[in-house]
All heavy atoms as atom14 arrays in JSON, in Angstrom:
{
  "sequence": "PRRGPVAVAPQLAAVDRAVFFDHLRGTTEAATRQGEGGVLLHRQALYL",
  "atom14_mask": [
    [1, 1, 1, 1, 1, 1, 1, 0, 0, 0, 0, 0, 0, 0],
    [1, 1, 1, 1, 1, 1, 1, 1, 1, 1, 1, 0, 0, 0],
    [1, 1, 1, 1, 1, 1, 1, 1, 1, 1, 1, 0, 0, 0],
    [1, 1, 1, 1, 0, 0, 0, 0, 0, 0, 0, 0, 0, 0],
    [1, 1, 1, 1, 1, 1, 1, 0, 0, 0, 0, 0, 0, 0],
    [1, 1, 1, 1, 1, 1, 1, 0, 0, 0, 0, 0, 0, 0],
    [1, 1, 1, 1, 1, 0, 0, 0, 0, 0, 0, 0, 0, 0],
    [1, 1, 1, 1, 1, 1, 1, 0, 0, 0, 0, 0, 0, 0],
    [1, 1, 1, 1, 1, 0, 0, 0, 0, 0, 0, 0, 0, 0],
    [1, 1, 1, 1, 1, 1, 1, 0, 0, 0, 0, 0, 0, 0],
    [1, 1, 1, 1, 1, 1, 1, 1, 1, 0, 0, 0, 0, 0],
    [1, 1, 1, 1, 1, 1, 1, 1, 0, 0, 0, 0, 0, 0],
    [1, 1, 1, 1, 1, 0, 0, 0, 0, 0, 0, 0, 0, 0],
    [1, 1, 1, 1, 1, 0, 0, 0, 0, 0, 0, 0, 0, 0],
    [1, 1, 1, 1, 1, 1, 1, 0, 0, 0, 0, 0, 0, 0],
    [1, 1, 1, 1, 1, 1, 1, 1, 0, 0, 0, 0, 0, 0],
    [1, 1, 1, 1, 1, 1, 1, 1, 1, 1, 1, 0, 0, 0],
    [1, 1, 1, 1, 1, 0, 0, 0, 0, 0, 0, 0, 0, 0],
    [1, 1, 1, 1, 1, 1, 1, 0, 0, 0, 0, 0, 0, 0],
    [1, 1, 1, 1, 1, 1, 1, 1, 1, 1, 1, 0, 0, 0],
    [1, 1, 1, 1, 1, 1, 1, 1, 1, 1, 1, 0, 0, 0],
    [1, 1, 1, 1, 1, 1, 1, 1, 0, 0, 0, 0, 0, 0],
    [1, 1, 1, 1, 1, 1, 1, 1, 1, 1, 0, 0, 0, 0],
    [1, 1, 1, 1, 1, 1, 1, 1, 0, 0, 0, 0, 0, 0],
    [1, 1, 1, 1, 1, 1, 1, 1, 1, 1, 1, 0, 0, 0],
    [1, 1, 1, 1, 0, 0, 0, 0, 0, 0, 0, 0, 0, 0],
    [1, 1, 1, 1, 1, 1, 1, 0, 0, 0, 0, 0, 0, 0],
    [1, 1, 1, 1, 1, 1, 1, 0, 0, 0, 0, 0, 0, 0],
    [1, 1, 1, 1, 1, 1, 1, 1, 1, 0, 0, 0, 0, 0],
    [1, 1, 1, 1, 1, 0, 0, 0, 0, 0, 0, 0, 0, 0],
    [1, 1, 1, 1, 1, 0, 0, 0, 0, 0, 0, 0, 0, 0],
    [1, 1, 1, 1, 1, 1, 1, 0, 0, 0, 0, 0, 0, 0],
    [1, 1, 1, 1, 1, 1, 1, 1, 1, 1, 1, 0, 0, 0],
    [1, 1, 1, 1, 1, 1, 1, 1, 1, 0, 0, 0, 0, 0],
    [1, 1, 1, 1, 0, 0, 0, 0, 0, 0, 0, 0, 0, 0],
    [1, 1, 1, 1, 1, 1, 1, 1, 1, 0, 0, 0, 0, 0],
    [1, 1, 1, 1, 0, 0, 0, 0, 0, 0, 0, 0, 0, 0],
    [1, 1, 1, 1, 0, 0, 0, 0, 0, 0, 0, 0, 0, 0],
    [1, 1, 1, 1, 1, 1, 1, 0, 0, 0, 0, 0, 0, 0],
    [1, 1, 1, 1, 1, 1, 1, 1, 0, 0, 0, 0, 0, 0],
    [1, 1, 1, 1, 1, 1, 1, 1, 0, 0, 0, 0, 0, 0],
    [1, 1, 1, 1, 1, 1, 1, 1, 1, 1, 0, 0, 0, 0],
    [1, 1, 1, 1, 1, 1, 1, 1, 1, 1, 1, 0, 0, 0],
    [1, 1, 1, 1, 1, 1, 1, 1, 1, 0, 0, 0, 0, 0],
    [1, 1, 1, 1, 1, 0, 0, 0, 0, 0, 0, 0, 0, 0],
    [1, 1, 1, 1, 1, 1, 1, 1, 0, 0, 0, 0, 0, 0],
    [1, 1, 1, 1, 1, 1, 1, 1, 1, 1, 1, 1, 0, 0],
    [1, 1, 1, 1, 1, 1, 1, 1, 0, 0, 0, 0, 0, 0]
  ],
  "atom14_positions": [
    [[0.84, -1.2, 0.0], [0.0, 0.0, 0.0], [0.87, 1.25, 0.0], [1.92, 1.29, 0.64], [-0.8, -0.12, 1.3], [-0.09, -1.11, 2.14], [0.72, -1.98, 1.23], [0.0, 0.0, 0.0], [0.0, 0.0, 0.0], [0.0, 0.0, 0.0], [0.0, 0.0, 0.0], [0.0, 0.0, 0.0], [0.0, 0.0, 0.0], [0.0, 0.0, 0.0]],
    [[0.45, 2.25, -0.75], [1.2, 3.5, -0.84], [0.28, 4.67, -0.5], [-0.93, 4.56, -0.6], [1.76, 3.65, -2.25], [2.73, 2.5, -2.56], [3.22, 2.55, -3.96], [4.14, 3.66, -4.13], [4.64, 4.02, -5.29], [4.32, 3.37, -6.38], [5.46, 5.03, -5.38], [0.0, 0.0, 0.0], [0.0, 0.0, 0.0], [0.0, 0.0, 0.0]],
    [[0.88, 5.76, -0.12], [0.08, 6.95, 0.22], [-0.24, 7.77, -1.03], [0.61, 7.95, -1.89], [0.87, 7.84, 1.17], [1.0, 7.23, 2.52], [1.63, 8.24, 3.44], [2.74, 7.59, 4.11], [3.67, 8.2, 4.78], [3.68, 9.5, 4.86], [4.62, 7.53, 5.36], [0.0, 0.0, 0.0], [0.0, 0.0, 0.0], [0.0, 0.0, 0.0]],
    [[-1.43, 8.25, -1.07], [-1.82, 9.15, -2.15], [-2.09, 8.43, -3.45], [-1.93, 7.22, -3.57], [0.0, 0.0, 0.0], [0.0, 0.0, 0.0], [0.0, 0.0, 0.0], [0.0, 0.0, 0.0], [0.0, 0.0, 0.0], [0.0, 0.0, 0.0], [0.0, 0.0, 0.0], [0.0, 0.0, 0.0], [0.0, 0.0, 0.0], [0.0, 0.0, 0.0]],
    [[-2.51, 9.18, -4.46], [-2.79, 8.58, -5.77], [-1.48, 8.25, -6.5], [-0.64, 9.12, -6.7], [-3.58, 9.67, -6.5], [-3.18, 10.93, -5.84], [-2.83, 10.59, -4.42], [0.0, 0.0, 0.0], [0.0, 0.0, 0.0], [0.0, 0.0, 0.0], [0.0, 0.0, 0.0], [0.0, 0.0, 0.0], [0.0, 0.0, 0.0], [0.0, 0.0, 0.0]],
    [[-1.3, 7.01, -6.83], [-0.11, 6.57, -7.54], [-0.5, 5.62, -8.66], [-1.54, 4.98, -8.61], [0.9, 5.86, -6.6], [1.45, 6.81, -5.56], [0.26, 4.68, -5.92], [0.0, 0.0, 0.0], [0.0, 0.0, 0.0], [0.0, 0.0, 0.0], [0.0, 0.0, 0.0], [0.0, 0.0, 0.0], [0.0, 0.0, 0.0], [0.0, 0.0, 0.0]],
    [[0.36, 5.52, -9.64], [0.14, 4.58, -10.73], [0.35, 3.16, -10.23], [1.07, 2.93, -9.26], [1.1, 4.88, -11.87], [0.0, 0.0, 0.0], [0.0, 0.0, 0.0], [0.0, 0.0, 0.0], [0.0, 0.0, 0.0], [0.0, 0.0, 0.0], [0.0, 0.0, 0.0], [0.0, 0.0, 0.0], [0.0, 0.0, 0.0], [0.0, 0.0, 0.0]],
    [[-0.28, 2.21, -10.89], [-0.13, 0.81, -10.54], [1.32, 0.36, -10.76], [1.87, -0.43, -10.02], [-1.1, -0.06, -11.36], [-0.88, -1.53, -11.1], [-2.53, 0.34, -11.07], [0.0, 0.0, 0.0], [0.0, 0.0, 0.0], [0.0, 0.0, 0.0], [0.0, 0.0, 0.0], [0.0, 0.0, 0.0], [0.0, 0.0, 0.0], [0.0, 0.0, 0.0]],
    [[1.93, 0.87, -11.81], [3.3, 0.51, -12.15], [3.96, 1.71, -12.84], [3.27, 2.57, -13.37], [3.29, -0.68, -13.1], [0.0, 0.0, 0.0], [0.0, 0.0, 0.0], [0.0, 0.0, 0.0], [0.0, 0.0, 0.0], [0.0, 0.0, 0.0], [0.0, 0.0, 0.0], [0.0, 0.0, 0.0], [0.0, 0.0, 0.0], [0.0, 0.0, 0.0]],
    [[5.27, 1.75, -12.82], [5.94, 2.83, -13.56], [5.66, 2.69, -15.05], [5.64, 1.58, -15.57], [7.42, 2.62, -13.27], [7.54, 1.46, -12.37], [6.19, 0.88, -12.15], [0.0, 0.0, 0.0], [0.0, 0.0, 0.0], [0.0, 0.0, 0.0], [0.0, 0.0, 0.0], [0.0, 0.0, 0.0], [0.0, 0.0, 0.0], [0.0, 0.0, 0.0]],
    [[5.42, 3.78, -15.7], [5.14, 3.78, -17.13], [5.97, 4.84, -17.82], [6.19, 5.92, -17.28], [3.65, 4.11, -17.37], [2.7, 3.09, -16.8], [2.37, 2.02, -17.81], [2.32, 2.27, -19.0], [2.16, 0.82, -17.34], [0.0, 0.0, 0.0], [0.0, 0.0, 0.0], [0.0, 0.0, 0.0], [0.0, 0.0, 0.0], [0.0, 0.0, 0.0]],
    [[6.44, 4.54, -18.99], [7.12, 5.52, -19.82], [6.11, 6.08, -20.82], [5.25, 5.34, -21.31], [8.26, 4.88, -20.61], [9.49, 4.43, -19.82], [10.46, 3.71, -20.75], [10.16, 5.6, -19.17], [0.0, 0.0, 0.0], [0.0, 0.0, 0.0], [0.0, 0.0, 0.0], [0.0, 0.0, 0.0], [0.0, 0.0, 0.0], [0.0, 0.0, 0.0]],
    [[6.24, 7.34, -21.11], [5.4, 7.94, -22.15], [5.74, 7.26, -23.48], [6.83, 6.72, -23.66], [5.66, 9.44, -22.24], [0.0, 0.0, 0.0], [0.0, 0.0, 0.0], [0.0, 0.0, 0.0], [0.0, 0.0, 0.0], [0.0, 0.0, 0.0], [0.0, 0.0, 0.0], [0.0, 0.0, 0.0], [0.0, 0.0, 0.0], [0.0, 0.0, 0.0]],
    [[4.81, 7.28, -24.42], [5.0, 6.6, -25.71], [6.26, 7.07, -26.42], [7.02, 6.27, -26.97], [3.78, 6.79, -26.6], [0.0, 0.0, 0.0], [0.0, 0.0, 0.0], [0.0, 0.0, 0.0], [0.0, 0.0, 0.0], [0.0, 0.0, 0.0], [0.0, 0.0, 0.0], [0.0, 0.0, 0.0], [0.0, 0.0, 0.0], [0.0, 0.0, 0.0]],
    [[6.52, 8.36, -26.39], [7.72, 8.91, -27.05], [8.98, 8.41, -26.36], [9.93, 7.97, -27.02], [7.67, 10.46, -27.05], [8.96, 11.04, -27.56], [6.49, 10.95, -27.86], [0.0, 0.0, 0.0], [0.0, 0.0, 0.0], [0.0, 0.0, 0.0], [0.0, 0.0, 0.0], [0.0, 0.0, 0.0], [0.0, 0.0, 0.0], [0.0, 0.0, 0.0]],
    [[9.0, 8.44, -25.03], [10.16, 7.96, -24.28], [10.38, 6.47, -24.49], [11.51, 6.0, -24.59], [10.0, 8.25, -22.79], [10.0, 9.73, -22.48], [10.59, 10.5, -23.27], [9.4, 10.11, -21.45], [0.0, 0.0, 0.0], [0.0, 0.0, 0.0], [0.0, 0.0, 0.0], [0.0, 0.0, 0.0], [0.0, 0.0, 0.0], [0.0, 0.0, 0.0]],
    [[9.3, 5.72, -24.57], [9.4, 4.27, -24.8], [9.99, 4.0, -26.19], [10.85, 3.13, -26.35], [8.01, 3.63, -24.66], [8.03, 2.15, -24.6], [6.69, 1.52, -24.2], [5.51, 2.17, -24.72], [4.63, 2.85, -23.98], [4.8, 2.97, -22.69], [3.58, 3.4, -24.53], [0.0, 0.0, 0.0], [0.0, 0.0, 0.0], [0.0, 0.0, 0.0]],
    [[9.58, 4.76, -27.19], [10.12, 4.59, -28.55], [11.61, 4.91, -28.58], [12.4, 4.17, -29.19], [9.36, 5.47, -29.53], [0.0, 0.0, 0.0], [0.0, 0.0, 0.0], [0.0, 0.0, 0.0], [0.0, 0.0, 0.0], [0.0, 0.0, 0.0], [0.0, 0.0, 0.0], [0.0, 0.0, 0.0], [0.0, 0.0, 0.0], [0.0, 0.0, 0.0]],
    [[12.01, 5.97, -27.91], [13.43, 6.34, -27.85], [14.22, 5.25, -27.14], [15.31, 4.86, -27.58], [13.62, 7.7, -27.14], [15.07, 7.97, -26.84], [13.03, 8.81, -27.99], [0.0, 0.0, 0.0], [0.0, 0.0, 0.0], [0.0, 0.0, 0.0], [0.0, 0.0, 0.0], [0.0, 0.0, 0.0], [0.0, 0.0, 0.0], [0.0, 0.0, 0.0]],
    [[13.68, 4.74, -26.04], [14.35, 3.67, -25.29], [14.58, 2.45, -26.17], [15.7, 1.92, -26.23], [13.52, 3.29, -24.07], [14.04, 2.08, -23.35], [15.12, 2.18, -22.5], [13.46, 0.83, -23.56], [15.61, 1.05, -21.85], [13.94, -0.29, -22.91], [15.03, -0.18, -22.06], [0.0, 0.0, 0.0], [0.0, 0.0, 0.0], [0.0, 0.0, 0.0]],
    [[13.55, 1.99, -26.86], [13.7, 0.79, -27.67], [14.58, 1.03, -28.9], [15.3, 0.12, -29.33], [12.33, 0.22, -28.06], [11.67, -0.52, -26.93], [10.48, -0.09, -26.4], [12.27, -1.65, -26.38], [9.87, -0.78, -25.34], [11.68, -2.34, -25.33], [10.48, -1.9, -24.81], [0.0, 0.0, 0.0], [0.0, 0.0, 0.0], [0.0, 0.0, 0.0]],
    [[14.57, 2.24, -29.45], [15.49, 2.56, -30.55], [16.94, 2.46, -30.07], [17.81, 1.89, -30.74], [15.22, 3.95, -31.11], [13.99, 4.0, -31.99], [13.52, 2.93, -32.43], [13.49, 5.12, -32.22], [0.0, 0.0, 0.0], [0.0, 0.0, 0.0], [0.0, 0.0, 0.0], [0.0, 0.0, 0.0], [0.0, 0.0, 0.0], [0.0, 0.0, 0.0]],
    [[17.2, 3.02, -28.9], [18.55, 2.96, -28.33], [18.92, 1.51, -28.0], [20.06, 1.09, -28.22], [18.62, 3.84, -27.07], [19.97, 3.88, -26.47], [21.04, 4.5, -27.06], [20.44, 3.35, -25.31], [22.11, 4.36, -26.31], [21.77, 3.66, -25.23], [0.0, 0.0, 0.0], [0.0, 0.0, 0.0], [0.0, 0.0, 0.0], [0.0, 0.0, 0.0]],
    [[17.97, 0.76, -27.5], [18.21, -0.64, -27.17], [18.56, -1.45, -28.41], [19.44, -2.31, -28.38], [16.99, -1.24, -26.47], [17.16, -2.62, -25.88], [18.23, -2.64, -24.8], [15.84, -3.1, -25.29], [0.0, 0.0, 0.0], [0.0, 0.0, 0.0], [0.0, 0.0, 0.0], [0.0, 0.0, 0.0], [0.0, 0.0, 0.0], [0.0, 0.0, 0.0]],
    [[17.9, -1.17, -29.53], [18.23, -1.86, -30.79], [19.67, -1.56, -31.2], [20.39, -2.44, -31.63], [17.28, -1.43, -31.9], [16.02, -2.21, -31.91], [15.23, -1.95, -33.18], [13.85, -2.19, -32.87], [12.89, -1.29, -32.96], [13.14, -0.09, -33.42], [11.65, -1.59, -32.62], [0.0, 0.0, 0.0], [0.0, 0.0, 0.0], [0.0, 0.0, 0.0]],
    [[20.06, -0.29, -31.06], [21.44, 0.08, -31.38], [22.44, -0.64, -30.5], [23.5, -1.1, -30.96], [0.0, 0.0, 0.0], [0.0, 0.0, 0.0], [0.0, 0.0, 0.0], [0.0, 0.0, 0.0], [0.0, 0.0, 0.0], [0.0, 0.0, 0.0], [0.0, 0.0, 0.0], [0.0, 0.0, 0.0], [0.0, 0.0, 0.0], [0.0, 0.0, 0.0]],
    [[22.12, -0.75, -29.22], [22.99, -1.46, -28.28], [23.09, -2.94, -28.66], [24.17, -3.53, -28.62], [22.45, -1.32, -26.85], [22.39, 0.07, -26.51], [23.31, -2.05, -25.85], [0.0, 0.0, 0.0], [0.0, 0.0, 0.0], [0.0, 0.0, 0.0], [0.0, 0.0, 0.0], [0.0, 0.0, 0.0], [0.0, 0.0, 0.0], [0.0, 0.0, 0.0]],
    [[21.97, -3.53, -29.03], [21.96, -4.94, -29.42], [22.85, -5.17, -30.64], [23.64, -6.11, -30.68], [20.52, -5.4, -29.73], [19.7, -5.13, -28.6], [20.46, -6.88, -30.03], [0.0, 0.0, 0.0], [0.0, 0.0, 0.0], [0.0, 0.0, 0.0], [0.0, 0.0, 0.0], [0.0, 0.0, 0.0], [0.0, 0.0, 0.0], [0.0, 0.0, 0.0]],
    [[22.73, -4.29, -31.63], [23.53, -4.44, -32.84], [25.0, -4.2, -32.56], [25.87, -4.89, -33.1], [23.01, -3.49, -33.91], [21.64, -3.9, -34.42], [21.0, -2.84, -35.31], [21.67, -1.83, -35.63], [19.83, -3.03, -35.68], [0.0, 0.0, 0.0], [0.0, 0.0, 0.0], [0.0, 0.0, 0.0], [0.0, 0.0, 0.0], [0.0, 0.0, 0.0]],
    [[25.33, -3.23, -31.69], [26.73, -2.96, -31.35], [27.34, -4.13, -30.59], [28.52, -4.44, -30.76], [26.82, -1.69, -30.53], [0.0, 0.0, 0.0], [0.0, 0.0, 0.0], [0.0, 0.0, 0.0], [0.0, 0.0, 0.0], [0.0, 0.0, 0.0], [0.0, 0.0, 0.0], [0.0, 0.0, 0.0], [0.0, 0.0, 0.0], [0.0, 0.0, 0.0]],
    [[26.56, -4.79, -29.76], [27.07, -5.93, -28.98], [27.48, -7.08, -29.88], [28.45, -7.79, -29.56], [26.02, -6.39, -27.97], [0.0, 0.0, 0.0], [0.0, 0.0, 0.0], [0.0, 0.0, 0.0], [0.0, 0.0, 0.0], [0.0, 0.0, 0.0], [0.0, 0.0, 0.0], [0.0, 0.0, 0.0], [0.0, 0.0, 0.0], [0.0, 0.0, 0.0]],
    [[26.81, -7.26, -31.0], [27.17, -8.36, -31.89], [28.53, -8.12, -32.53], [29.21, -9.08, -32.9], [26.11, -8.57, -33.0], [26.0, -7.38, -33.77], [24.78, -8.95, -32.41], [0.0, 0.0, 0.0], [0.0, 0.0, 0.0], [0.0, 0.0, 0.0], [0.0, 0.0, 0.0], [0.0, 0.0, 0.0], [0.0, 0.0, 0.0], [0.0, 0.0, 0.0]],
    [[28.94, -6.87, -32.65], [30.24, -6.54, -33.26], [31.38, -6.65, -32.26], [32.53, -6.51, -32.63], [30.19, -5.13, -33.85], [29.23, -5.01, -35.03], [29.35, -3.68, -35.72], [28.92, -2.57, -34.89], [27.69, -2.05, -34.86], [26.77, -2.55, -35.64], [27.39, -1.03, -34.08], [0.0, 0.0, 0.0], [0.0, 0.0, 0.0], [0.0, 0.0, 0.0]],
    [[31.08, -6.91, -30.98], [32.13, -7.0, -29.96], [32.67, -8.41, -29.8], [33.49, -8.66, -28.93], [31.59, -6.51, -28.62], [31.27, -5.04, -28.6], [30.71, -4.59, -27.26], [30.62, -5.36, -26.32], [30.34, -3.33, -27.18], [0.0, 0.0, 0.0], [0.0, 0.0, 0.0], [0.0, 0.0, 0.0], [0.0, 0.0, 0.0], [0.0, 0.0, 0.0]],
    [[32.19, -9.34, -30.59], [32.67, -10.71, -30.5], [32.21, -11.37, -29.21], [31.11, -11.12, -28.73], [0.0, 0.0, 0.0], [0.0, 0.0, 0.0], [0.0, 0.0, 0.0], [0.0, 0.0, 0.0], [0.0, 0.0, 0.0], [0.0, 0.0, 0.0], [0.0, 0.0, 0.0], [0.0, 0.0, 0.0], [0.0, 0.0, 0.0], [0.0, 0.0, 0.0]],
    [[33.08, -12.2, -28.63], [32.71, -12.93, -27.43], [32.45, -12.01, -26.25], [31.68, -12.35, -25.35], [33.79, -13.94, -27.07], [33.8, -15.15, -27.98], [34.75, -16.22, -27.48], [34.88, -16.38, -26.26], [35.35, -16.88, -28.34], [0.0, 0.0, 0.0], [0.0, 0.0, 0.0], [0.0, 0.0, 0.0], [0.0, 0.0, 0.0], [0.0, 0.0, 0.0]],
    [[33.09, -10.85, -26.22], [32.89, -9.91, -25.11], [31.5, -9.3, -25.08], [31.06, -8.8, -24.05], [0.0, 0.0, 0.0], [0.0, 0.0, 0.0], [0.0, 0.0, 0.0], [0.0, 0.0, 0.0], [0.0, 0.0, 0.0], [0.0, 0.0, 0.0], [0.0, 0.0, 0.0], [0.0, 0.0, 0.0], [0.0, 0.0, 0.0], [0.0, 0.0, 0.0]],
    [[30.78, -9.35, -26.18], [29.45, -8.76, -26.23], [28.31, -9.75, -26.17], [27.15, -9.37, -26.29], [0.0, 0.0, 0.0], [0.0, 0.0, 0.0], [0.0, 0.0, 0.0], [0.0, 0.0, 0.0], [0.0, 0.0, 0.0], [0.0, 0.0, 0.0], [0.0, 0.0, 0.0], [0.0, 0.0, 0.0], [0.0, 0.0, 0.0], [0.0, 0.0, 0.0]],
    [[28.62, -11.02, -25.97], [27.58, -12.06, -25.99], [26.55, -11.84, -24.89], [25.33, -11.88, -25.15], [28.2, -13.47, -25.88], [27.13, -14.53, -25.69], [29.03, -13.78, -27.1], [0.0, 0.0, 0.0], [0.0, 0.0, 0.0], [0.0, 0.0, 0.0], [0.0, 0.0, 0.0], [0.0, 0.0, 0.0], [0.0, 0.0, 0.0], [0.0, 0.0, 0.0]],
    [[26.99, -11.59, -23.67], [26.05, -11.4, -22.57], [25.21, -10.14, -22.76], [23.99, -10.16, -22.57], [26.78, -11.35, -21.23], [25.9, -11.19, -19.99], [24.89, -12.34, -19.89], [26.76, -11.13, -18.74], [0.0, 0.0, 0.0], [0.0, 0.0, 0.0], [0.0, 0.0, 0.0], [0.0, 0.0, 0.0], [0.0, 0.0, 0.0], [0.0, 0.0, 0.0]],
    [[25.86, -9.04, -23.17], [25.12, -7.8, -23.43], [24.09, -8.02, -24.53], [22.94, -7.58, -24.41], [26.07, -6.68, -23.82], [25.42, -5.36, -24.23], [24.58, -4.78, -23.09], [26.48, -4.36, -24.67], [0.0, 0.0, 0.0], [0.0, 0.0, 0.0], [0.0, 0.0, 0.0], [0.0, 0.0, 0.0], [0.0, 0.0, 0.0], [0.0, 0.0, 0.0]],
    [[24.47, -8.72, -25.58], [23.55, -9.0, -26.68], [22.34, -9.79, -26.19], [21.19, -9.46, -26.51], [24.28, -9.77, -27.78], [23.45, -10.05, -28.97], [22.95, -11.3, -29.25], [23.01, -9.24, -29.97], [22.24, -11.26, -30.36], [22.26, -10.02, -30.82], [0.0, 0.0, 0.0], [0.0, 0.0, 0.0], [0.0, 0.0, 0.0], [0.0, 0.0, 0.0]],
    [[22.59, -10.8, -25.38], [21.51, -11.63, -24.87], [20.57, -10.82, -23.97], [19.34, -10.94, -24.07], [22.12, -12.8, -24.09], [21.13, -13.77, -23.57], [21.84, -14.9, -22.9], [20.88, -15.81, -22.32], [21.2, -16.85, -21.6], [22.46, -17.13, -21.38], [20.27, -17.61, -21.11], [0.0, 0.0, 0.0], [0.0, 0.0, 0.0], [0.0, 0.0, 0.0]],
    [[21.13, -10.01, -23.09], [20.3, -9.21, -22.19], [19.5, -8.16, -22.96], [18.33, -7.93, -22.66], [21.18, -8.54, -21.14], [21.75, -9.52, -20.15], [22.77, -8.89, -19.22], [23.38, -7.88, -19.56], [22.96, -9.48, -18.06], [0.0, 0.0, 0.0], [0.0, 0.0, 0.0], [0.0, 0.0, 0.0], [0.0, 0.0, 0.0], [0.0, 0.0, 0.0]],
    [[20.12, -7.54, -23.96], [19.42, -6.54, -24.75], [18.29, -7.17, -25.55], [17.21, -6.58, -25.69], [20.4, -5.81, -25.67], [0.0, 0.0, 0.0], [0.0, 0.0, 0.0], [0.0, 0.0, 0.0], [0.0, 0.0, 0.0], [0.0, 0.0, 0.0], [0.0, 0.0, 0.0], [0.0, 0.0, 0.0], [0.0, 0.0, 0.0], [0.0, 0.0, 0.0]],
    [[18.51, -8.37, -26.07], [17.44, -9.05, -26.8], [16.26, -9.38, -25.89], [15.1, -9.27, -26.28], [17.95, -10.34, -27.45], [18.76, -10.18, -28.72], [19.28, -11.54, -29.18], [17.94, -9.53, -29.81], [0.0, 0.0, 0.0], [0.0, 0.0, 0.0], [0.0, 0.0, 0.0], [0.0, 0.0, 0.0], [0.0, 0.0, 0.0], [0.0, 0.0, 0.0]],
    [[16.57, -9.77, -24.66], [15.49, -10.06, -23.71], [14.65, -8.8, -23.47], [13.41, -8.85, -23.52], [16.07, -10.58, -22.39], [15.02, -10.68, -21.31], [14.1, -11.72, -21.32], [14.92, -9.73, -20.3], [13.11, -11.81, -20.35], [13.94, -9.81, -19.33], [13.05, -10.85, -19.36], [12.07, -10.93, -18.4], [0.0, 0.0, 0.0], [0.0, 0.0, 0.0]],
    [[15.3, -7.68, -23.21], [14.56, -6.44, -22.97], [13.8, -6.0, -24.23], [12.69, -5.48, -24.14], [15.5, -5.33, -22.52], [16.06, -5.49, -21.12], [17.1, -4.41, -20.83], [14.95, -5.46, -20.08], [0.0, 0.0, 0.0], [0.0, 0.0, 0.0], [0.0, 0.0, 0.0], [0.0, 0.0, 0.0], [0.0, 0.0, 0.0], [0.0, 0.0, 0.0]]
  ]
}
């Protein structure tokens, strides 16, 4: 329970969400170019 009117969950505005996922796609693609050092980052970015 929380005090006052609050959202059920944190939400990003549609514009912010689009920017986030665009940046995440770039991170995913950059991780594939890092060879073995980027495998974990690539996997985590794909999950998100």
